[in-house]
Amino acid sequence: MKKKMKRVLTVAMATCMAASMLAGCGSQGSAGQKEPAEASDDTSQTSFNVLSGMSALSGGYDENVVLKAMQEKAGVDIKWETMSDSLAEQVNIRIAGDQLPDAFQGVGFSNYDLSTYGDDGTFIDLTPYINEEYMPNLSKIIEEHPEIKSAITMSDGGIYGLPAAEQMGTAAIGADKDHSIFTIPQFSMINKAWLDDLGLEVPKTLDELHTALVAFKENDMSAKYYGNPAGSTIPMSTGFDQWCWGQNIFYAGFGFTNWINDVCDDLVLNSDGTVDFVSTRDSYRDAVTYFHNWYAEGLMDTEMFSQDATQLISKCSQGYVGVSTWWYIEELMGDYASDYVFLPVLTGPDGTYNVTVRTGGGTNSGQLSITKACKSPANLLKFYDQWYEPENVMQLQYGPIDVFFTGKDSDGLWLSITEEEAQAKYGKGAGELKSANEVAGPKLILSDYYKTTFKMEDRAIERLEDLENFWMPYVTDDTVYPVDCVYTTDELETIDMYKTDLQNTISEYEGKWIKDGGPTDDEWEAYKSVLTDSCGLEKMKEVYQAAYDRYKEAGK
């Protein structure tokens, strides 16, 4: 029986400021379109009441210099009611009692909440205000990034909250196309010092990697090269279907990479716009059958199905492991890092490969909603449109210039305060200083802000450079299912009913076949029947297809 969706408010913890983590949850029950809303011409109201979440370390927003400057510029006065504790309770009380502020900020409404309160008139439709007349900054961004409009448009065609997201992609380092830092989550690496000692080249195919792993094992390279105990060599160690340390990158030789996914594991979007699950393809069967042979030969770590990331790092940093996956060679391999190089995407038995890329953090609209109590939305939105200026959102996210940002580098990018500087000047770490000054709300940080406005963390720059320069050249098709598609209530019920069982069943069979041997014809057909008859495979495909089709339409 389907689980009933309760009509309740879902509120994110006020201390969780990462708006992108809230993307894509919930929507309304019908995909029917409402009549287009019209902008109000009332401009009499200039004083507004805003109820906002905040960090537990924040002292409130009354004296925030960035907010005060934006209010003055917009010609409005904001009466702030801020809270970190009991936020969900207070928001529920206000809405249930029709005691509404002019706007809710930093609450973290789900798409279901937004659609519900948009449908009953609690929240106004912001669509007629997102244009050059009322919100020139935001409308320019949406014109350049239509996917943002898709992400905040509910299934009735209304927009009941302003967009929030923190992008981090290759545009930050000057790339022509912005690929999320999460596009390829696993970077494979190999001990080149061992290869050189054995007279082997860096593998380019799975068969060549197999040859190298056999040589690592037979020559006990951990003992031979590093003087570790005899028999300590682990040719290849990863986790099983894990985020940045799984085995999935090696499936590329069979035409796919079934990364752990924020939408649904094993789900892919084909280049023709149709959705699919790679776990029912014959190539998937071929892959698990192929890698069982490696496992049976002792080339893959027998603990890959049970170990955690700490255990993997321990093995690698002691020089036991020849091949693994992680974001940074230095972080995984420790003192032995200089002996390792990236292992490229490897071609499979048929001489080809394909990397099915992964989605990044999404956009949500649960951080700022204007209620029916507001007489002059246009005046209030003049204030919020300023949040979409790069230097403003930079300060709202981290802290003011001359507090969190201490000066500019030679490229004109603002530099963050260092840990040492923060301790010396404020008696607190940089992270605590950020939390004390951060403002919850509709903060939209685009990747190119890191190129034009403020400097990104060095480790993130390194990962993006590796992604753009080494890994993306292996990607022939960067089509990806959007993380922030909007779902109707009926679709959410279907997802709620089937998603966990579907993912767990696929993972269970995948692990079984790697350990025990690939499926026979009868086992393969029985597996596909289980996915369809018991795990709702086809129903899930229908849901994700419908949501994607609406997403594309909304962005036009």
Protein backbone atom coordinates (compact mmCIF):
# COMPACT_ATOMS: atom_id res chain seq x y z
CA MET A 1 0.00 0.00 0.00
CA LYS A 2 1.25 3.46 -0.80
CA LYS A 3 2.37 5.56 2.10
CA LYS A 4 0.20 8.63 2.56
CA MET A 5 1.92 11.98 2.31
CA LYS A 6 1.16 14.04 5.40
CA ARG A 7 0.48 17.70 4.84
CA VAL A 8 3.12 18.94 7.22
CA LEU A 9 5.83 21.53 7.04
CA THR A 10 9.30 20.14 6.58
CA VAL A 11 11.91 22.56 7.83
CA ALA A 12 15.66 22.15 7.55
CA MET A 13 17.78 22.75 10.63
CA ALA A 14 18.60 26.42 10.84
CA THR A 15 22.27 25.66 11.25
CA CYS A 16 22.33 23.84 7.90
CA MET A 17 23.15 26.71 5.59
CA ALA A 18 24.17 24.66 2.57
CA ALA A 19 21.12 25.34 0.47
CA SER A 20 22.18 22.95 -2.25
CA MET A 21 21.70 20.00 0.08
CA LEU A 22 17.96 20.69 0.22
CA ALA A 23 17.31 20.50 -3.52
CA GLY A 24 14.68 18.44 -5.28
CA CYS A 25 12.53 17.20 -2.39
CA GLY A 26 8.78 17.31 -2.70
CA SER A 27 6.21 19.02 -4.89
CA GLN A 28 2.49 19.31 -5.34
CA GLY A 29 0.06 16.59 -6.20
CA SER A 30 -0.99 17.69 -9.66
CA ALA A 31 0.93 18.80 -12.68
CA GLY A 32 -1.96 21.03 -13.77
CA GLN A 33 -1.07 24.61 -14.64
CA LYS A 34 -2.54 27.58 -12.73
CA GLU A 35 -3.51 30.89 -14.27
CA PRO A 36 -0.47 33.18 -14.59
CA ALA A 37 -0.01 35.51 -11.62
CA GLU A 38 0.23 39.28 -11.97
CA ALA A 39 2.57 41.65 -10.17
CA SER A 40 1.01 43.94 -7.57
CA ASP A 41 1.33 47.66 -8.28
CA ASP A 42 1.12 48.54 -4.55
CA THR A 43 4.38 50.24 -3.46
CA SER A 44 3.12 51.82 -0.24
CA GLN A 45 4.82 49.40 2.15
CA THR A 46 8.49 50.03 2.98
CA SER A 47 8.77 48.37 6.40
CA PHE A 48 8.71 44.58 6.41
CA ASN A 49 8.70 41.78 8.96
CA VAL A 50 10.92 38.83 8.08
CA LEU A 51 11.16 35.62 10.09
CA SER A 52 14.50 33.96 9.43
CA GLY A 53 16.57 31.02 10.51
CA MET A 54 20.15 31.63 11.53
CA SER A 55 23.25 29.83 12.69
CA ALA A 56 23.38 28.95 16.38
CA LEU A 57 26.56 31.07 16.57
CA SER A 58 24.95 34.13 15.00
CA GLY A 59 23.98 37.13 17.10
CA GLY A 60 21.12 38.01 14.75
CA TYR A 61 20.84 40.27 11.74
CA ASP A 62 19.93 43.68 13.19
CA GLU A 63 23.52 44.94 13.12
CA ASN A 64 24.72 43.06 10.06
CA VAL A 65 26.52 45.69 7.99
CA VAL A 66 25.86 43.96 4.66
CA LEU A 67 22.12 43.65 5.26
CA LYS A 68 21.87 47.23 6.51
CA ALA A 69 23.61 48.57 3.41
CA MET A 70 21.29 46.63 1.11
CA GLN A 71 18.20 47.83 3.01
CA GLU A 72 19.33 51.42 2.66
CA LYS A 73 19.92 51.02 -1.05
CA ALA A 74 16.49 49.43 -1.56
CA GLY A 75 14.76 52.06 0.59
CA VAL A 76 13.25 49.50 2.96
CA ASP A 77 13.43 48.71 6.66
CA ILE A 78 13.51 45.06 7.76
CA LYS A 79 12.28 44.04 11.21
CA TRP A 80 14.18 40.81 11.79
CA GLU A 81 12.87 37.95 13.87
CA THR A 82 15.66 35.40 13.90
CA MET A 83 16.00 32.05 15.58
CA SER A 84 18.05 28.87 15.42
CA ASP A 85 16.15 26.80 17.98
CA SER A 86 12.45 25.96 17.55
CA LEU A 87 12.41 27.34 14.02
CA ALA A 88 10.21 24.57 12.59
CA GLU A 89 7.79 24.85 15.49
CA GLN A 90 7.46 28.61 15.16
CA VAL A 91 6.98 28.51 11.40
CA ASN A 92 4.26 25.88 11.79
CA ILE A 93 2.51 27.99 14.43
CA ARG A 94 2.60 31.12 12.28
CA ILE A 95 1.26 29.43 9.19
CA ALA A 96 -1.42 27.43 11.03
CA GLY A 97 -2.59 30.54 12.90
CA ASP A 98 -2.41 32.79 9.84
CA GLN A 99 0.01 35.04 11.74
CA LEU A 100 2.29 35.57 8.83
CA PRO A 101 5.39 37.72 8.45
CA ASP A 102 5.94 39.40 5.11
CA ALA A 103 8.53 36.76 4.25
CA PHE A 104 10.09 33.56 5.54
CA GLN A 105 13.88 33.45 5.05
CA GLY A 106 16.39 30.67 5.61
CA VAL A 107 13.73 28.16 6.63
CA GLY A 108 14.43 25.40 4.13
CA PHE A 109 10.95 24.65 2.79
CA SER A 110 10.73 21.59 0.58
CA ASN A 111 9.16 21.79 -2.86
CA TYR A 112 6.16 20.01 -1.39
CA ASP A 113 5.77 22.78 1.18
CA LEU A 114 6.17 25.48 -1.44
CA SER A 115 3.56 23.94 -3.71
CA THR A 116 1.16 23.36 -0.84
CA TYR A 117 1.41 26.91 0.48
CA GLY A 118 1.46 28.33 -3.03
CA ASP A 119 -1.69 26.43 -3.88
CA ASP A 120 -3.60 27.66 -0.81
CA GLY A 121 -2.40 31.25 -1.25
CA THR A 122 -0.09 31.45 1.79
CA PHE A 123 2.89 32.12 -0.48
CA ILE A 124 2.63 34.37 -3.52
CA ASP A 125 3.78 33.38 -6.98
CA LEU A 126 7.00 35.27 -7.68
CA THR A 127 6.98 34.60 -11.42
CA PRO A 128 5.74 38.11 -12.44
CA TYR A 129 8.52 39.74 -10.39
CA ILE A 130 11.48 37.81 -11.79
CA ASN A 131 12.21 40.12 -14.70
CA GLU A 132 14.33 43.15 -15.56
CA GLU A 133 11.85 45.59 -14.03
CA TYR A 134 11.72 44.16 -10.53
CA MET A 135 14.72 41.83 -10.16
CA PRO A 136 17.32 42.66 -12.82
CA ASN A 137 20.15 40.72 -11.15
CA LEU A 138 18.21 37.50 -10.75
CA SER A 139 16.52 37.71 -14.15
CA LYS A 140 19.92 38.08 -15.83
CA ILE A 141 21.19 34.98 -14.03
CA ILE A 142 18.12 32.97 -15.02
CA GLU A 143 18.44 34.09 -18.62
CA GLU A 144 22.01 32.78 -18.65
CA HIS A 145 21.16 29.67 -16.60
CA PRO A 146 17.68 28.44 -17.61
CA GLU A 147 18.20 25.30 -15.53
CA ILE A 148 17.81 27.47 -12.42
CA LYS A 149 14.33 28.46 -13.52
CA SER A 150 13.51 24.80 -14.12
CA ALA A 151 14.64 23.91 -10.61
CA ILE A 152 12.42 26.48 -8.86
CA THR A 153 9.30 26.11 -11.00
CA MET A 154 6.73 23.90 -9.32
CA SER A 155 4.58 21.49 -11.27
CA ASP A 156 1.72 24.03 -11.46
CA GLY A 157 4.03 26.51 -13.21
CA GLY A 158 4.38 28.80 -10.19
CA ILE A 159 7.54 29.97 -8.41
CA TYR A 160 7.04 30.27 -4.65
CA GLY A 161 10.62 30.75 -3.52
CA LEU A 162 13.80 32.40 -4.75
CA PRO A 163 16.69 30.18 -5.88
CA ALA A 164 19.58 29.20 -3.64
CA ALA A 165 22.62 27.09 -4.47
CA GLU A 166 26.38 26.91 -4.08
CA GLN A 167 27.90 25.75 -7.32
CA MET A 168 31.48 24.61 -7.60
CA GLY A 169 32.48 23.71 -11.10
CA THR A 170 35.14 24.00 -13.75
CA ALA A 171 34.00 27.50 -14.77
CA ALA A 172 35.71 28.57 -11.54
CA ILE A 173 39.08 27.80 -13.13
CA GLY A 174 38.27 29.35 -16.49
CA ALA A 175 36.80 26.39 -18.39
CA ASP A 176 34.38 27.20 -21.19
CA LYS A 177 31.81 24.73 -19.86
CA ASP A 178 30.92 24.41 -16.20
CA HIS A 179 31.16 20.83 -14.96
CA SER A 180 30.41 20.23 -11.30
CA ILE A 181 33.24 19.15 -9.03
CA PHE A 182 31.15 15.98 -8.53
CA THR A 183 30.96 15.10 -12.26
CA ILE A 184 33.48 12.26 -11.89
CA PRO A 185 33.62 11.33 -8.20
CA GLN A 186 36.31 8.66 -8.41
CA PHE A 187 39.87 9.31 -9.56
CA SER A 188 41.71 6.02 -10.04
CA MET A 189 45.44 5.79 -9.32
CA ILE A 190 48.25 3.27 -9.65
CA ASN A 191 51.71 2.79 -8.15
CA LYS A 192 53.96 3.77 -11.05
CA ALA A 193 57.11 2.98 -9.06
CA TRP A 194 55.99 -0.64 -8.94
CA LEU A 195 55.23 -0.59 -12.66
CA ASP A 196 58.66 0.84 -13.43
CA ASP A 197 60.34 -1.78 -11.26
CA LEU A 198 58.49 -4.49 -13.19
CA GLY A 199 59.12 -2.91 -16.59
CA LEU A 200 55.42 -2.24 -17.20
CA GLU A 201 53.71 0.79 -18.73
CA VAL A 202 50.76 2.59 -17.17
CA PRO A 203 47.76 0.50 -18.31
CA LYS A 204 45.39 1.84 -20.94
CA THR A 205 43.02 -1.14 -21.01
CA LEU A 206 41.37 -3.32 -18.41
CA ASP A 207 43.32 -6.31 -19.67
CA GLU A 208 46.59 -4.40 -19.23
CA LEU A 209 45.54 -3.46 -15.69
CA HIS A 210 44.81 -7.13 -15.02
CA THR A 211 48.34 -7.98 -16.13
CA ALA A 212 49.77 -5.32 -13.79
CA LEU A 213 47.70 -6.49 -10.83
CA VAL A 214 48.82 -10.08 -11.36
CA ALA A 215 52.45 -8.87 -11.43
CA PHE A 216 51.93 -6.84 -8.23
CA LYS A 217 50.60 -9.94 -6.47
CA GLU A 218 53.06 -12.49 -7.80
CA ASN A 219 56.05 -10.26 -7.00
CA ASP A 220 54.59 -9.19 -3.63
CA MET A 221 55.50 -5.60 -4.44
CA SER A 222 54.62 -4.15 -1.05
CA ALA A 223 57.21 -6.39 0.53
CA LYS A 224 59.71 -6.18 -2.30
CA TYR A 225 59.64 -2.42 -2.84
CA TYR A 226 58.77 -1.02 0.58
CA GLY A 227 60.02 -3.78 2.87
CA ASN A 228 56.60 -4.51 4.30
CA PRO A 229 55.84 -8.00 5.68
CA ALA A 230 55.76 -10.85 3.18
CA GLY A 231 52.35 -11.34 1.62
CA SER A 232 51.15 -7.85 2.52
CA THR A 233 50.52 -6.73 -1.08
CA ILE A 234 46.93 -5.88 -2.00
CA PRO A 235 46.91 -5.42 -5.78
CA MET A 236 43.70 -3.36 -5.79
CA SER A 237 41.57 -2.04 -2.94
CA THR A 238 38.46 0.15 -3.04
CA GLY A 239 35.10 0.30 -1.34
CA PHE A 240 32.02 -1.22 -2.95
CA ASP A 241 29.71 1.35 -4.58
CA GLN A 242 31.18 4.11 -2.42
CA TRP A 243 31.30 7.84 -3.12
CA CYS A 244 34.87 8.76 -4.10
CA TRP A 245 36.47 5.45 -3.21
CA GLY A 246 34.40 2.83 -5.03
CA GLN A 247 35.12 0.44 -7.90
CA ASN A 248 32.65 2.06 -10.30
CA ILE A 249 35.19 3.97 -12.44
CA PHE A 250 36.45 0.61 -13.75
CA TYR A 251 33.02 -0.19 -15.22
CA ALA A 252 33.62 2.48 -17.86
CA GLY A 253 35.18 -0.20 -20.04
CA PHE A 254 31.71 -1.71 -20.28
CA GLY A 255 29.97 1.50 -21.28
CA PHE A 256 28.79 2.98 -17.99
CA THR A 257 29.79 4.14 -14.51
CA ASN A 258 27.05 3.52 -11.94
CA TRP A 259 28.11 6.13 -9.40
CA ILE A 260 26.34 6.63 -6.10
CA ASN A 261 23.77 9.24 -7.11
CA ASP A 262 21.83 12.00 -5.33
CA VAL A 263 18.77 11.24 -7.48
CA CYS A 264 18.70 7.44 -7.64
CA ASP A 265 21.56 4.96 -7.95
CA ASP A 266 22.08 3.40 -11.41
CA LEU A 267 19.77 5.99 -13.03
CA VAL A 268 21.10 7.63 -16.19
CA LEU A 269 19.80 10.11 -18.73
CA ASN A 270 20.48 9.11 -22.30
CA SER A 271 21.55 11.70 -24.87
CA ASP A 272 18.10 11.49 -26.49
CA GLY A 273 16.44 12.63 -23.25
CA THR A 274 15.15 9.21 -22.15
CA VAL A 275 15.87 7.82 -18.69
CA ASP A 276 17.21 4.36 -18.04
CA PHE A 277 18.73 2.15 -15.36
CA VAL A 278 22.11 0.76 -16.36
CA SER A 279 21.62 -2.19 -14.03
CA THR A 280 19.40 -4.01 -16.55
CA ARG A 281 21.74 -3.67 -19.51
CA ASP A 282 23.64 -6.66 -20.87
CA SER A 283 26.82 -4.62 -20.45
CA TYR A 284 26.17 -4.50 -16.69
CA ARG A 285 25.95 -8.28 -16.63
CA ASP A 286 29.20 -8.47 -18.61
CA ALA A 287 30.94 -6.14 -16.15
CA VAL A 288 30.12 -8.02 -12.97
CA THR A 289 31.04 -11.30 -14.66
CA TYR A 290 34.39 -9.87 -15.77
CA PHE A 291 35.34 -8.47 -12.39
CA HIS A 292 34.37 -11.66 -10.58
CA ASN A 293 37.37 -13.22 -12.28
CA TRP A 294 39.63 -10.56 -10.77
CA TYR A 295 38.07 -11.11 -7.36
CA ALA A 296 38.48 -14.90 -7.65
CA GLU A 297 42.16 -14.43 -8.55
CA GLY A 298 42.77 -12.40 -5.39
CA LEU A 299 43.42 -9.16 -7.29
CA MET A 300 40.59 -7.23 -5.60
CA ASP A 301 40.59 -6.73 -1.85
CA THR A 302 38.32 -9.28 -0.19
CA GLU A 303 37.43 -6.61 2.38
CA MET A 304 36.12 -4.19 -0.26
CA PHE A 305 32.52 -5.00 0.70
CA SER A 306 32.95 -4.27 4.40
CA GLN A 307 35.78 -1.79 4.91
CA ASP A 308 35.24 1.90 5.61
CA ALA A 309 37.22 4.83 4.26
CA THR A 310 39.50 4.95 7.31
CA GLN A 311 40.52 1.34 6.78
CA LEU A 312 41.23 1.96 3.09
CA ILE A 313 43.38 5.00 3.89
CA SER A 314 45.28 2.97 6.48
CA LYS A 315 46.12 0.25 3.97
CA CYS A 316 47.11 2.68 1.24
CA SER A 317 49.18 4.95 3.47
CA GLN A 318 51.24 1.96 4.64
CA GLY A 319 52.24 1.06 1.08
CA TYR A 320 50.17 -2.12 0.78
CA VAL A 321 47.92 -1.17 -2.16
CA GLY A 322 48.80 -0.94 -5.85
CA VAL A 323 45.58 0.51 -7.27
CA SER A 324 42.79 2.47 -5.62
CA THR A 325 40.38 5.41 -6.03
CA TRP A 326 40.11 8.73 -4.20
CA TRP A 327 39.93 12.47 -4.90
CA TYR A 328 43.55 13.20 -3.97
CA ILE A 329 46.56 10.93 -4.31
CA GLU A 330 48.32 12.70 -1.43
CA GLU A 331 45.42 12.23 0.97
CA LEU A 332 45.08 8.51 0.25
CA MET A 333 48.67 7.41 -0.22
CA GLY A 334 50.37 9.59 2.41
CA ASP A 335 54.16 9.31 2.39
CA TYR A 336 54.06 7.08 -0.69
CA ALA A 337 52.06 9.57 -2.80
CA SER A 338 54.96 10.51 -5.07
CA ASP A 339 55.08 6.91 -6.34
CA TYR A 340 51.52 7.10 -7.71
CA VAL A 341 49.96 8.58 -10.85
CA PHE A 342 46.40 8.81 -12.07
CA LEU A 343 45.24 5.68 -13.85
CA PRO A 344 43.29 6.77 -16.95
CA VAL A 345 39.83 5.61 -17.90
CA LEU A 346 40.46 2.14 -19.31
CA THR A 347 39.01 0.60 -22.43
CA GLY A 348 37.15 -2.66 -22.03
CA PRO A 349 37.26 -5.98 -23.89
CA ASP A 350 35.60 -4.43 -26.96
CA GLY A 351 38.17 -1.61 -27.14
CA THR A 352 35.84 1.18 -26.00
CA TYR A 353 34.83 3.00 -22.83
CA ASN A 354 32.10 5.39 -21.71
CA VAL A 355 31.93 7.52 -18.58
CA THR A 356 28.36 8.28 -17.56
CA VAL A 357 28.88 11.48 -15.60
CA ARG A 358 27.26 12.41 -12.32
CA THR A 359 25.14 15.36 -11.27
CA GLY A 360 26.33 18.05 -8.88
CA GLY A 361 24.68 19.98 -6.09
CA GLY A 362 21.29 21.31 -7.07
CA THR A 363 19.28 24.49 -6.80
CA ASN A 364 16.40 24.85 -4.35
CA SER A 365 13.82 27.54 -3.67
CA GLY A 366 13.08 26.92 -0.01
CA GLN A 367 15.16 29.76 1.45
CA LEU A 368 12.95 32.81 0.72
CA SER A 369 9.19 32.93 0.28
CA ILE A 370 6.96 36.02 0.37
CA THR A 371 3.57 35.59 2.02
CA LYS A 372 0.14 37.00 1.31
CA ALA A 373 0.67 39.39 4.26
CA CYS A 374 3.09 41.45 2.17
CA LYS A 375 1.36 44.43 0.56
CA SER A 376 4.28 45.56 -1.62
CA PRO A 377 6.29 42.55 -2.84
CA ALA A 378 8.06 44.68 -5.46
CA ASN A 379 9.68 46.85 -2.76
CA LEU A 380 10.82 43.87 -0.72
CA LEU A 381 12.18 42.11 -3.79
CA LYS A 382 14.38 45.15 -4.56
CA PHE A 383 16.18 44.22 -1.36
CA TYR A 384 16.44 40.53 -2.19
CA ASP A 385 17.55 41.15 -5.75
CA GLN A 386 20.75 42.57 -4.29
CA TRP A 387 21.49 39.12 -2.83
CA TYR A 388 22.22 38.07 -6.41
CA GLU A 389 25.18 40.44 -6.79
CA PRO A 390 28.39 38.38 -6.47
CA GLU A 391 30.16 40.51 -3.87
CA ASN A 392 27.04 40.71 -1.73
CA VAL A 393 26.36 36.97 -1.68
CA MET A 394 30.04 36.38 -0.95
CA GLN A 395 29.71 38.42 2.23
CA LEU A 396 26.34 36.93 3.18
CA GLN A 397 27.81 33.44 2.91
CA TYR A 398 31.09 34.01 4.75
CA GLY A 399 31.22 37.41 6.38
CA PRO A 400 31.89 41.07 5.57
CA ILE A 401 34.83 42.56 3.76
CA ASP A 402 37.45 43.58 6.35
CA VAL A 403 36.19 40.83 8.63
CA PHE A 404 36.22 37.49 6.77
CA PHE A 405 37.76 38.86 3.57
CA THR A 406 41.05 40.58 4.22
CA GLY A 407 42.24 41.83 0.82
CA LYS A 408 42.63 40.96 -2.84
CA ASP A 409 45.21 38.91 -4.68
CA SER A 410 47.00 39.94 -7.88
CA ASP A 411 43.98 38.79 -9.92
CA GLY A 412 41.60 41.01 -7.96
CA LEU A 413 39.97 38.13 -6.09
CA TRP A 414 39.02 38.58 -2.45
CA LEU A 415 41.03 36.40 -0.08
CA SER A 416 39.55 34.71 2.99
CA ILE A 417 40.99 35.18 6.44
CA THR A 418 43.40 32.44 7.48
CA GLU A 419 42.96 30.29 10.56
CA GLU A 420 45.93 32.00 12.20
CA GLU A 421 44.63 35.49 11.39
CA ALA A 422 41.17 34.67 12.73
CA GLN A 423 42.55 33.37 15.99
CA ALA A 424 44.85 36.35 16.46
CA LYS A 425 42.23 39.00 15.64
CA TYR A 426 38.98 37.48 16.86
CA GLY A 427 39.97 34.65 19.17
CA LYS A 428 38.11 32.08 17.08
CA GLY A 429 38.78 29.88 14.08
CA ALA A 430 37.87 30.89 10.52
CA GLY A 431 34.99 28.41 10.49
CA GLU A 432 33.52 29.81 13.69
CA LEU A 433 33.96 33.34 12.36
CA LYS A 434 32.03 32.36 9.23
CA SER A 435 29.19 30.87 11.28
CA ALA A 436 28.94 34.00 13.40
CA ASN A 437 28.59 36.25 10.32
CA GLU A 438 26.75 34.03 7.85
CA VAL A 439 23.20 34.97 6.86
CA ALA A 440 20.69 32.26 6.00
CA GLY A 441 18.65 32.82 2.88
CA PRO A 442 18.55 32.72 -0.93
CA LYS A 443 22.28 32.72 -1.60
CA LEU A 444 23.18 31.75 -5.15
CA ILE A 445 26.92 31.30 -5.65
CA LEU A 446 27.77 30.48 -9.25
CA SER A 447 30.99 28.75 -10.25
CA ASP A 448 32.33 31.76 -12.13
CA TYR A 449 32.19 33.90 -8.96
CA TYR A 450 35.34 32.07 -7.90
CA LYS A 451 36.97 33.40 -11.06
CA THR A 452 35.62 36.95 -10.86
CA THR A 453 34.99 37.75 -7.20
CA PHE A 454 36.57 35.60 -4.49
CA LYS A 455 39.17 32.85 -4.34
CA MET A 456 38.26 29.24 -3.98
CA GLU A 457 39.95 26.91 -1.48
CA ASP A 458 43.23 25.55 -2.88
CA ARG A 459 42.21 21.88 -2.59
CA ALA A 460 39.01 22.53 -4.54
CA ILE A 461 41.03 24.29 -7.25
CA GLU A 462 43.34 21.29 -7.45
CA ARG A 463 40.44 18.87 -7.83
CA LEU A 464 38.77 20.99 -10.50
CA GLU A 465 42.03 21.28 -12.43
CA ASP A 466 42.45 17.50 -12.28
CA LEU A 467 38.85 17.05 -13.39
CA GLU A 468 39.08 19.47 -16.30
CA ASN A 469 42.57 18.64 -17.53
CA PHE A 470 42.86 14.90 -16.93
CA TRP A 471 39.41 13.34 -16.56
CA MET A 472 36.95 15.31 -18.70
CA PRO A 473 38.83 14.54 -21.95
CA TYR A 474 37.65 10.95 -21.43
CA VAL A 475 34.00 12.05 -21.37
CA THR A 476 32.30 11.93 -24.76
CA ASP A 477 28.75 12.71 -23.55
CA ASP A 478 28.12 14.85 -20.46
CA THR A 479 24.34 14.35 -20.45
CA VAL A 480 23.19 13.97 -16.84
CA TYR A 481 19.89 13.66 -15.00
CA PRO A 482 19.32 16.90 -13.04
CA VAL A 483 19.42 16.59 -9.27
CA ASP A 484 16.81 19.32 -8.86
CA CYS A 485 13.89 18.00 -10.90
CA VAL A 486 10.56 18.77 -9.27
CA TYR A 487 8.21 15.89 -8.44
CA THR A 488 4.47 15.75 -7.87
CA THR A 489 3.09 14.17 -4.69
CA ASP A 490 2.03 11.06 -6.59
CA GLU A 491 5.53 10.74 -8.00
CA LEU A 492 7.05 11.17 -4.56
CA GLU A 493 4.84 8.39 -3.25
CA THR A 494 6.11 6.10 -6.01
CA ILE A 495 9.72 7.03 -5.23
CA ASP A 496 9.09 6.55 -1.51
CA MET A 497 7.55 3.14 -2.14
CA TYR A 498 10.20 1.68 -4.43
CA LYS A 499 13.50 3.58 -4.38
CA THR A 500 15.15 1.96 -1.35
CA ASP A 501 14.18 -1.58 -2.32
CA LEU A 502 15.27 -1.00 -5.91
CA GLN A 503 18.68 0.36 -4.95
CA ASN A 504 19.30 -2.28 -2.28
CA THR A 505 18.28 -5.14 -4.56
CA ILE A 506 20.55 -3.99 -7.38
CA SER A 507 23.47 -3.53 -4.98
CA GLU A 508 22.88 -6.91 -3.37
CA TYR A 509 22.96 -8.75 -6.68
CA GLU A 510 25.96 -6.76 -7.93
CA GLY A 511 28.00 -7.69 -4.86
CA LYS A 512 26.88 -11.31 -5.01
CA TRP A 513 27.89 -11.67 -8.63
CA ILE A 514 31.32 -10.10 -8.12
CA LYS A 515 32.02 -12.44 -5.21
CA ASP A 516 30.35 -15.63 -6.45
CA GLY A 517 30.31 -15.33 -10.23
CA GLY A 518 28.19 -13.62 -12.84
CA PRO A 519 24.60 -14.68 -13.46
CA THR A 520 23.48 -17.54 -15.67
CA ASP A 521 20.84 -16.79 -18.29
CA ASP A 522 18.08 -17.95 -15.94
CA GLU A 523 19.47 -15.92 -13.02
CA TRP A 524 19.72 -12.81 -15.17
CA GLU A 525 16.12 -13.05 -16.36
CA ALA A 526 14.92 -13.75 -12.82
CA TYR A 527 16.82 -10.69 -11.55
CA LYS A 528 15.22 -8.41 -14.14
CA SER A 529 11.80 -9.80 -13.23
CA VAL A 530 12.39 -9.02 -9.56
CA LEU A 531 13.32 -5.44 -10.40
CA THR A 532 10.22 -4.99 -12.51
CA ASP A 533 7.64 -6.97 -10.52
CA SER A 534 8.76 -6.27 -6.95
CA CYS A 535 10.94 -3.16 -7.07
CA GLY A 536 8.91 -0.94 -9.39
CA LEU A 537 11.62 -0.46 -12.00
CA GLU A 538 9.28 0.59 -14.81
CA LYS A 539 7.19 2.78 -12.50
CA MET A 540 10.35 4.55 -11.35
CA LYS A 541 11.41 5.13 -14.94
CA GLU A 542 8.03 6.68 -15.67
CA VAL A 543 8.34 9.02 -12.67
CA TYR A 544 11.84 10.19 -13.53
CA GLN A 545 10.93 10.61 -17.20
CA ALA A 546 7.85 12.73 -16.42
CA ALA A 547 9.75 14.92 -13.96
CA TYR A 548 12.58 15.45 -16.44
CA ASP A 549 10.20 16.33 -19.26
CA ARG A 550 8.59 19.02 -17.07
CA TYR A 551 12.03 20.27 -16.03
CA LYS A 552 13.02 20.79 -19.65
CA GLU A 553 9.73 22.50 -20.45
CA ALA A 554 10.00 24.86 -17.46
CA GLY A 555 13.43 26.05 -18.58
CA LYS A 556 12.22 27.22 -21.99
